[in-house]
Amino acid sequence: MALRALMAGKHVLVEKPLALNRTQLDSLSRFVEAAAADTPVLQTGFNRRHSNYICDIARITNERKNPMIINYTVNAGYLLRSLGL
């Protein structure tokens, strides 16, 4: 969808991940590499750094001086099922 939007002249913001497989990534890469100066902008976003959970972790660990290990789980069930994984 991102490539089709770019080809239609639309600016595109894609939330991370930019592509779900190497073929999609290569297609986007070829389009961007061949782009002229007036080609629409392709930007990848990553909003997790602004989530409440990450902000809480940053606040709690900001002044920490000792090493620390943090384990966290992300629910990507829908994404994985849609890929047949």
PDB file of N, CA and C in Angstrom:
ATOM      1  N   MET A   1       0.821  -1.192   0.000  1.00  0.00           N
ATOM      2  CA  MET A   1       0.000   0.000   0.000  1.00  0.00           C
ATOM      3  C   MET A   1       0.864   1.254   0.000  1.00  0.00           C
ATOM      4  N   ALA A   2       1.956   1.202   0.760  1.00  0.00           N
ATOM      5  CA  ALA A   2       2.837   2.378   0.814  1.00  0.00           C
ATOM      6  C   ALA A   2       3.411   2.687  -0.568  1.00  0.00           C
ATOM      7  N   LEU A   3       3.853   1.663  -1.264  1.00  0.00           N
ATOM      8  CA  LEU A   3       4.420   1.870  -2.599  1.00  0.00           C
ATOM      9  C   LEU A   3       3.359   2.411  -3.558  1.00  0.00           C
ATOM     10  N   ARG A   4       2.155   1.868  -3.510  1.00  0.00           N
ATOM     11  CA  ARG A   4       1.090   2.365  -4.385  1.00  0.00           C
ATOM     12  C   ARG A   4       0.780   3.825  -4.081  1.00  0.00           C
ATOM     13  N   ALA A   5       0.777   4.204  -2.804  1.00  0.00           N
ATOM     14  CA  ALA A   5       0.514   5.600  -2.437  1.00  0.00           C
ATOM     15  C   ALA A   5       1.628   6.506  -2.945  1.00  0.00           C
ATOM     16  N   LEU A   6       2.885   6.076  -2.793  1.00  0.00           N
ATOM     17  CA  LEU A   6       4.010   6.867  -3.302  1.00  0.00           C
ATOM     18  C   LEU A   6       3.912   7.045  -4.810  1.00  0.00           C
ATOM     19  N   MET A   7       3.582   5.963  -5.501  1.00  0.00           N
ATOM     20  CA  MET A   7       3.468   6.024  -6.958  1.00  0.00           C
ATOM     21  C   MET A   7       2.312   6.935  -7.383  1.00  0.00           C
ATOM     22  N   ALA A   8       1.321   7.096  -6.504  1.00  0.00           N
ATOM     23  CA  ALA A   8       0.193   7.987  -6.789  1.00  0.00           C
ATOM     24  C   ALA A   8       0.505   9.430  -6.405  1.00  0.00           C
ATOM     25  N   GLY A   9       1.740   9.684  -5.928  1.00  0.00           N
ATOM     26  CA  GLY A   9       2.143  11.040  -5.593  1.00  0.00           C
ATOM     27  C   GLY A   9       1.818  11.480  -4.178  1.00  0.00           C
ATOM     28  N   LYS A  10       1.491  10.532  -3.305  1.00  0.00           N
ATOM     29  CA  LYS A  10       1.129  10.855  -1.922  1.00  0.00           C
ATOM     30  C   LYS A  10       2.338  10.738  -1.012  1.00  0.00           C
ATOM     31  N   HIS A  11       2.454  11.638  -0.033  1.00  0.00           N
ATOM     32  CA  HIS A  11       3.441  11.474   1.033  1.00  0.00           C
ATOM     33  C   HIS A  11       2.955  10.330   1.917  1.00  0.00           C
ATOM     34  N   VAL A  12       3.900   9.531   2.455  1.00  0.00           N
ATOM     35  CA  VAL A  12       3.524   8.341   3.213  1.00  0.00           C
ATOM     36  C   VAL A  12       4.288   8.285   4.525  1.00  0.00           C
ATOM     37  N   LEU A  13       3.556   8.052   5.618  1.00  0.00           N
ATOM     38  CA  LEU A  13       4.140   7.750   6.920  1.00  0.00           C
ATOM     39  C   LEU A  13       3.760   6.312   7.232  1.00  0.00           C
ATOM     40  N   VAL A  14       4.753   5.448   7.343  1.00  0.00           N
ATOM     41  CA  VAL A  14       4.532   4.041   7.628  1.00  0.00           C
ATOM     42  C   VAL A  14       5.033   3.759   9.031  1.00  0.00           C
ATOM     43  N   GLU A  15       4.169   3.205   9.860  1.00  0.00           N
ATOM     44  CA  GLU A  15       4.594   2.801  11.195  1.00  0.00           C
ATOM     45  C   GLU A  15       5.533   1.610  11.055  1.00  0.00           C
ATOM     46  N   LYS A  16       6.525   1.523  11.896  1.00  0.00           N
ATOM     47  CA  LYS A  16       7.488   0.442  11.888  1.00  0.00           C
ATOM     48  C   LYS A  16       6.760  -0.876  12.104  1.00  0.00           C
ATOM     49  N   PRO A  17       7.020  -1.927  11.386  1.00  0.00           N
ATOM     50  CA  PRO A  17       8.073  -2.099  10.404  1.00  0.00           C
ATOM     51  C   PRO A  17       7.693  -1.512   9.044  1.00  0.00           C
ATOM     52  N   LEU A  18       8.677  -1.066   8.321  1.00  0.00           N
ATOM     53  CA  LEU A  18       8.459  -0.466   7.009  1.00  0.00           C
ATOM     54  C   LEU A  18       7.928  -1.485   6.015  1.00  0.00           C
ATOM     55  N   ALA A  19       8.378  -2.731   6.117  1.00  0.00           N
ATOM     56  CA  ALA A  19       7.929  -3.803   5.220  1.00  0.00           C
ATOM     57  C   ALA A  19       7.834  -5.092   6.022  1.00  0.00           C
ATOM     58  N   LEU A  20       7.044  -6.026   5.519  1.00  0.00           N
ATOM     59  CA  LEU A  20       6.875  -7.302   6.208  1.00  0.00           C
ATOM     60  C   LEU A  20       7.772  -8.400   5.651  1.00  0.00           C
ATOM     61  N   ASN A  21       8.393  -8.130   4.498  1.00  0.00           N
ATOM     62  CA  ASN A  21       9.326  -9.114   3.939  1.00  0.00           C
ATOM     63  C   ASN A  21      10.336  -8.386   3.055  1.00  0.00           C
ATOM     64  N   ARG A  22      11.344  -9.116   2.637  1.00  0.00           N
ATOM     65  CA  ARG A  22      12.446  -8.528   1.863  1.00  0.00           C
ATOM     66  C   ARG A  22      11.978  -8.012   0.505  1.00  0.00           C
ATOM     67  N   THR A  23      11.025  -8.696  -0.115  1.00  0.00           N
ATOM     68  CA  THR A  23      10.523  -8.273  -1.421  1.00  0.00           C
ATOM     69  C   THR A  23       9.874  -6.901  -1.333  1.00  0.00           C
ATOM     70  N   GLN A  24       9.049  -6.697  -0.318  1.00  0.00           N
ATOM     71  CA  GLN A  24       8.401  -5.390  -0.131  1.00  0.00           C
ATOM     72  C   GLN A  24       9.441  -4.309   0.129  1.00  0.00           C
ATOM     73  N   LEU A  25      10.416  -4.619   0.956  1.00  0.00           N
ATOM     74  CA  LEU A  25      11.465  -3.647   1.271  1.00  0.00           C
ATOM     75  C   LEU A  25      12.277  -3.296   0.030  1.00  0.00           C
ATOM     76  N   ASP A  26      12.609  -4.294  -0.764  1.00  0.00           N
ATOM     77  CA  ASP A  26      13.370  -4.039  -1.996  1.00  0.00           C
ATOM     78  C   ASP A  26      12.576  -3.169  -2.970  1.00  0.00           C
ATOM     79  N   SER A  27      11.276  -3.401  -3.073  1.00  0.00           N
ATOM     80  CA  SER A  27      10.436  -2.588  -3.963  1.00  0.00           C
ATOM     81  C   SER A  27      10.423  -1.129  -3.525  1.00  0.00           C
ATOM     82  N   LEU A  28      10.256  -0.904  -2.233  1.00  0.00           N
ATOM     83  CA  LEU A  28      10.278   0.474  -1.720  1.00  0.00           C
ATOM     84  C   LEU A  28      11.649   1.106  -1.926  1.00  0.00           C
ATOM     85  N   SER A  29      12.686   0.327  -1.674  1.00  0.00           N
ATOM     86  CA  SER A  29      14.049   0.832  -1.821  1.00  0.00           C
ATOM     87  C   SER A  29      14.334   1.248  -3.270  1.00  0.00           C
ATOM     88  N   ARG A  30      13.941   0.410  -4.220  1.00  0.00           N
ATOM     89  CA  ARG A  30      14.155   0.746  -5.629  1.00  0.00           C
ATOM     90  C   ARG A  30      13.401   2.021  -6.003  1.00  0.00           C
ATOM     91  N   PHE A  31      12.184   2.164  -5.517  1.00  0.00           N
ATOM     92  CA  PHE A  31      11.396   3.357  -5.826  1.00  0.00           C
ATOM     93  C   PHE A  31      12.080   4.608  -5.273  1.00  0.00           C
ATOM     94  N   VAL A  32      12.511   4.539  -4.030  1.00  0.00           N
ATOM     95  CA  VAL A  32      13.146   5.704  -3.384  1.00  0.00           C
ATOM     96  C   VAL A  32      14.478   6.032  -4.059  1.00  0.00           C
ATOM     97  N   GLU A  33      15.269   5.026  -4.391  1.00  0.00           N
ATOM     98  CA  GLU A  33      16.563   5.259  -5.035  1.00  0.00           C
ATOM     99  C   GLU A  33      16.418   5.899  -6.412  1.00  0.00           C
ATOM    100  N   ALA A  34      15.348   5.576  -7.121  1.00  0.00           N
ATOM    101  CA  ALA A  34      15.121   6.134  -8.452  1.00  0.00           C
ATOM    102  C   ALA A  34      14.335   7.438  -8.405  1.00  0.00           C
ATOM    103  N   ALA A  35      14.025   7.906  -7.215  1.00  0.00           N
ATOM    104  CA  ALA A  35      13.155   9.067  -7.037  1.00  0.00           C
ATOM    105  C   ALA A  35      13.793  10.353  -7.535  1.00  0.00           C
ATOM    106  N   ALA A  36      12.948  11.202  -8.079  1.00  0.00           N
ATOM    107  CA  ALA A  36      13.356  12.550  -8.480  1.00  0.00           C
ATOM    108  C   ALA A  36      13.166  13.489  -7.292  1.00  0.00           C
ATOM    109  N   ALA A  37      13.596  14.721  -7.450  1.00  0.00           N
ATOM    110  CA  ALA A  37      13.513  15.697  -6.364  1.00  0.00           C
ATOM    111  C   ALA A  37      12.079  15.967  -5.928  1.00  0.00           C
ATOM    112  N   ASP A  38      11.124  15.835  -6.838  1.00  0.00           N
ATOM    113  CA  ASP A  38       9.732  16.148  -6.489  1.00  0.00           C
ATOM    114  C   ASP A  38       8.925  14.907  -6.081  1.00  0.00           C
ATOM    115  N   THR A  39       9.617  13.794  -5.803  1.00  0.00           N
ATOM    116  CA  THR A  39       8.943  12.569  -5.377  1.00  0.00           C
ATOM    117  C   THR A  39       8.395  12.755  -3.966  1.00  0.00           C
ATOM    118  N   PRO A  40       7.243  12.170  -3.673  1.00  0.00           N
ATOM    119  CA  PRO A  40       6.680  12.282  -2.327  1.00  0.00           C
ATOM    120  C   PRO A  40       7.628  11.726  -1.262  1.00  0.00           C
ATOM    121  N   VAL A  41       7.417  12.159  -0.049  1.00  0.00           N
ATOM    122  CA  VAL A  41       8.249  11.761   1.088  1.00  0.00           C
ATOM    123  C   VAL A  41       7.764  10.425   1.647  1.00  0.00           C
ATOM    124  N   LEU A  42       8.708   9.524   1.925  1.00  0.00           N
ATOM    125  CA  LEU A  42       8.440   8.274   2.632  1.00  0.00           C
ATOM    126  C   LEU A  42       9.114   8.372   3.985  1.00  0.00           C
ATOM    127  N   GLN A  43       8.335   8.225   5.043  1.00  0.00           N
ATOM    128  CA  GLN A  43       8.877   8.329   6.392  1.00  0.00           C
ATOM    129  C   GLN A  43       8.399   7.149   7.214  1.00  0.00           C
ATOM    130  N   THR A  44       9.298   6.610   8.039  1.00  0.00           N
ATOM    131  CA  THR A  44       8.947   5.509   8.922  1.00  0.00           C
ATOM    132  C   THR A  44       8.813   6.043  10.332  1.00  0.00           C
ATOM    133  N   GLY A  45       7.703   5.720  10.970  1.00  0.00           N
ATOM    134  CA  GLY A  45       7.455   6.159  12.337  1.00  0.00           C
ATOM    135  C   GLY A  45       7.688   5.041  13.329  1.00  0.00           C
ATOM    136  N   PHE A  46       7.812   5.408  14.580  1.00  0.00           N
ATOM    137  CA  PHE A  46       7.978   4.431  15.656  1.00  0.00           C
ATOM    138  C   PHE A  46       7.383   5.050  16.909  1.00  0.00           C
ATOM    139  N   ASN A  47       6.092   4.827  17.123  1.00  0.00           N
ATOM    140  CA  ASN A  47       5.411   5.517  18.212  1.00  0.00           C
ATOM    141  C   ASN A  47       5.563   4.853  19.567  1.00  0.00           C
ATOM    142  N   ARG A  48       6.161   3.679  19.658  1.00  0.00           N
ATOM    143  CA  ARG A  48       6.273   2.995  20.954  1.00  0.00           C
ATOM    144  C   ARG A  48       7.079   3.817  21.956  1.00  0.00           C
ATOM    145  N   ARG A  49       8.002   4.627  21.480  1.00  0.00           N
ATOM    146  CA  ARG A  49       8.798   5.412  22.426  1.00  0.00           C
ATOM    147  C   ARG A  49       7.937   6.430  23.171  1.00  0.00           C
ATOM    148  N   HIS A  50       6.730   6.698  22.667  1.00  0.00           N
ATOM    149  CA  HIS A  50       5.835   7.641  23.326  1.00  0.00           C
ATOM    150  C   HIS A  50       4.714   6.948  24.102  1.00  0.00           C
ATOM    151  N   SER A  51       4.731   5.618  24.161  1.00  0.00           N
ATOM    152  CA  SER A  51       3.671   4.905  24.879  1.00  0.00           C
ATOM    153  C   SER A  51       3.797   5.181  26.372  1.00  0.00           C
ATOM    154  N   ASN A  52       2.688   5.063  27.068  1.00  0.00           N
ATOM    155  CA  ASN A  52       2.687   5.296  28.518  1.00  0.00           C
ATOM    156  C   ASN A  52       3.647   4.359  29.232  1.00  0.00           C
ATOM    157  N   TYR A  53       3.708   3.103  28.773  1.00  0.00           N
ATOM    158  CA  TYR A  53       4.578   2.122  29.423  1.00  0.00           C
ATOM    159  C   TYR A  53       6.051   2.504  29.278  1.00  0.00           C
ATOM    160  N   ILE A  54       6.464   2.890  28.100  1.00  0.00           N
ATOM    161  CA  ILE A  54       7.864   3.270  27.881  1.00  0.00           C
ATOM    162  C   ILE A  54       8.197   4.540  28.654  1.00  0.00           C
ATOM    163  N   CYS A  55       7.272   5.490  28.685  1.00  0.00           N
ATOM    164  CA  CYS A  55       7.500   6.719  29.458  1.00  0.00           C
ATOM    165  C   CYS A  55       7.656   6.406  30.937  1.00  0.00           C
ATOM    166  N   ASP A  56       6.850   5.464  31.467  1.00  0.00           N
ATOM    167  CA  ASP A  56       6.980   5.047  32.865  1.00  0.00           C
ATOM    168  C   ASP A  56       8.332   4.399  33.126  1.00  0.00           C
ATOM    169  N   ILE A  57       8.762   3.531  32.216  1.00  0.00           N
ATOM    170  CA  ILE A  57      10.066   2.875  32.376  1.00  0.00           C
ATOM    171  C   ILE A  57      11.180   3.919  32.350  1.00  0.00           C
ATOM    172  N   ALA A  58      11.107   4.867  31.454  1.00  0.00           N
ATOM    173  CA  ALA A  58      12.129   5.923  31.376  1.00  0.00           C
ATOM    174  C   ALA A  58      12.163   6.741  32.664  1.00  0.00           C
ATOM    175  N   ARG A  59      11.000   7.074  33.190  1.00  0.00           N
ATOM    176  CA  ARG A  59      10.932   7.863  34.419  1.00  0.00           C
ATOM    177  C   ARG A  59      11.548   7.093  35.589  1.00  0.00           C
ATOM    178  N   ILE A  60      11.222   5.808  35.691  1.00  0.00           N
ATOM    179  CA  ILE A  60      11.707   4.978  36.792  1.00  0.00           C
ATOM    180  C   ILE A  60      13.209   4.718  36.689  1.00  0.00           C
ATOM    181  N   THR A  61      13.725   4.551  35.490  1.00  0.00           N
ATOM    182  CA  THR A  61      15.129   4.164  35.310  1.00  0.00           C
ATOM    183  C   THR A  61      16.055   5.316  34.955  1.00  0.00           C
ATOM    184  N   ASN A  62      15.525   6.502  34.824  1.00  0.00           N
ATOM    185  CA  ASN A  62      16.308   7.643  34.354  1.00  0.00           C
ATOM    186  C   ASN A  62      17.555   7.916  35.197  1.00  0.00           C
ATOM    187  N   GLU A  63      17.449   7.801  36.507  1.00  0.00           N
ATOM    188  CA  GLU A  63      18.576   8.112  37.395  1.00  0.00           C
ATOM    189  C   GLU A  63      19.372   6.866  37.793  1.00  0.00           C
ATOM    190  N   ARG A  64      19.037   5.740  37.232  1.00  0.00           N
ATOM    191  CA  ARG A  64      19.690   4.482  37.603  1.00  0.00           C
ATOM    192  C   ARG A  64      21.161   4.497  37.181  1.00  0.00           C
ATOM    193  N   LYS A  65      22.020   4.005  38.063  1.00  0.00           N
ATOM    194  CA  LYS A  65      23.458   3.969  37.801  1.00  0.00           C
ATOM    195  C   LYS A  65      23.968   2.541  37.593  1.00  0.00           C
ATOM    196  N   ASN A  66      23.267   1.548  38.121  1.00  0.00           N
ATOM    197  CA  ASN A  66      23.701   0.153  38.028  1.00  0.00           C
ATOM    198  C   ASN A  66      23.130  -0.510  36.782  1.00  0.00           C
ATOM    199  N   PRO A  67      23.769  -1.607  36.338  1.00  0.00           N
ATOM    200  CA  PRO A  67      23.219  -2.358  35.206  1.00  0.00           C
ATOM    201  C   PRO A  67      21.822  -2.883  35.532  1.00  0.00           C
ATOM    202  N   MET A  68      21.040  -3.097  34.497  1.00  0.00           N
ATOM    203  CA  MET A  68      19.666  -3.555  34.701  1.00  0.00           C
ATOM    204  C   MET A  68      19.229  -4.382  33.493  1.00  0.00           C
ATOM    205  N   ILE A  69      18.470  -5.412  33.739  1.00  0.00           N
ATOM    206  CA  ILE A  69      17.881  -6.209  32.669  1.00  0.00           C
ATOM    207  C   ILE A  69      16.373  -5.996  32.730  1.00  0.00           C
ATOM    208  N   ILE A  70      15.785  -5.680  31.586  1.00  0.00           N
ATOM    209  CA  ILE A  70      14.339  -5.482  31.508  1.00  0.00           C
ATOM    210  C   ILE A  70      13.789  -6.441  30.463  1.00  0.00           C
ATOM    211  N   ASN A  71      12.803  -7.234  30.837  1.00  0.00           N
ATOM    212  CA  ASN A  71      12.099  -8.110  29.897  1.00  0.00           C
ATOM    213  C   ASN A  71      10.694  -7.558  29.710  1.00  0.00           C
ATOM    214  N   TYR A  72      10.244  -7.494  28.487  1.00  0.00           N
ATOM    215  CA  TYR A  72       8.876  -7.055  28.241  1.00  0.00           C
ATOM    216  C   TYR A  72       8.283  -7.845  27.094  1.00  0.00           C
ATOM    217  N   THR A  73       6.978  -7.928  27.082  1.00  0.00           N
ATOM    218  CA  THR A  73       6.258  -8.684  26.065  1.00  0.00           C
ATOM    219  C   THR A  73       5.388  -7.736  25.271  1.00  0.00           C
ATOM    220  N   VAL A  74       5.366  -7.920  23.959  1.00  0.00           N
ATOM    221  CA  VAL A  74       4.523  -7.122  23.080  1.00  0.00           C
ATOM    222  C   VAL A  74       3.538  -8.069  22.417  1.00  0.00           C
ATOM    223  N   ASN A  75       2.276  -7.751  22.473  1.00  0.00           N
ATOM    224  CA  ASN A  75       1.263  -8.589  21.856  1.00  0.00           C
ATOM    225  C   ASN A  75       1.175  -8.262  20.375  1.00  0.00           C
ATOM    226  N   ALA A  76       1.729  -9.137  19.542  1.00  0.00           N
ATOM    227  CA  ALA A  76       1.662  -8.965  18.088  1.00  0.00           C
ATOM    228  C   ALA A  76       0.852 -10.099  17.478  1.00  0.00           C
ATOM    229  N   GLY A  77      -0.084 -10.626  18.235  1.00  0.00           N
ATOM    230  CA  GLY A  77      -0.864 -11.774  17.795  1.00  0.00           C
ATOM    231  C   GLY A  77      -1.554 -11.573  16.463  1.00  0.00           C
ATOM    232  N   TYR A  78      -2.231 -10.463  16.277  1.00  0.00           N
ATOM    233  CA  TYR A  78      -2.950 -10.239  15.032  1.00  0.00           C
ATOM    234  C   TYR A  78      -1.995 -10.189  13.853  1.00  0.00           C
ATOM    235  N   LEU A  79      -0.893  -9.500  14.002  1.00  0.00           N
ATOM    236  CA  LEU A  79       0.101  -9.402  12.927  1.00  0.00           C
ATOM    237  C   LEU A  79       0.636 -10.783  12.574  1.00  0.00           C
ATOM    238  N   LEU A  80       1.002 -11.560  13.567  1.00  0.00           N
ATOM    239  CA  LEU A  80       1.567 -12.868  13.307  1.00  0.00           C
ATOM    240  C   LEU A  80       0.543 -13.805  12.677  1.00  0.00           C
ATOM    241  N   ARG A  81      -0.691 -13.776  13.141  1.00  0.00           N
ATOM    242  CA  ARG A  81      -1.719 -14.635  12.550  1.00  0.00           C
ATOM    243  C   ARG A  81      -1.996 -14.236  11.103  1.00  0.00           C
ATOM    244  N   SER A  82      -1.986 -12.937  10.822  1.00  0.00           N
ATOM    245  CA  SER A  82      -2.264 -12.491   9.451  1.00  0.00           C
ATOM    246  C   SER A  82      -1.176 -12.908   8.488  1.00  0.00           C
ATOM    247  N   LEU A  83       0.026 -13.166   9.008  1.00  0.00           N
ATOM    248  CA  LEU A  83       1.143 -13.644   8.173  1.00  0.00           C
ATOM    249  C   LEU A  83       1.187 -15.165   8.099  1.00  0.00           C
ATOM    250  N   GLY A  84       0.271 -15.815   8.822  1.00  0.00           N
ATOM    251  CA  GLY A  84       0.248 -17.271   8.842  1.00  0.00           C
ATOM    252  C   GLY A  84       1.327 -17.870   9.720  1.00  0.00           C
ATOM    253  N   LEU A  85       1.820 -17.094  10.699  1.00  0.00           N
ATOM    254  CA  LEU A  85       2.869 -17.588  11.599  1.00  0.00           C
ATOM    255  C   LEU A  85       2.285 -18.034  12.904  1.00  0.00           C
TER     256      LEU A  85
END
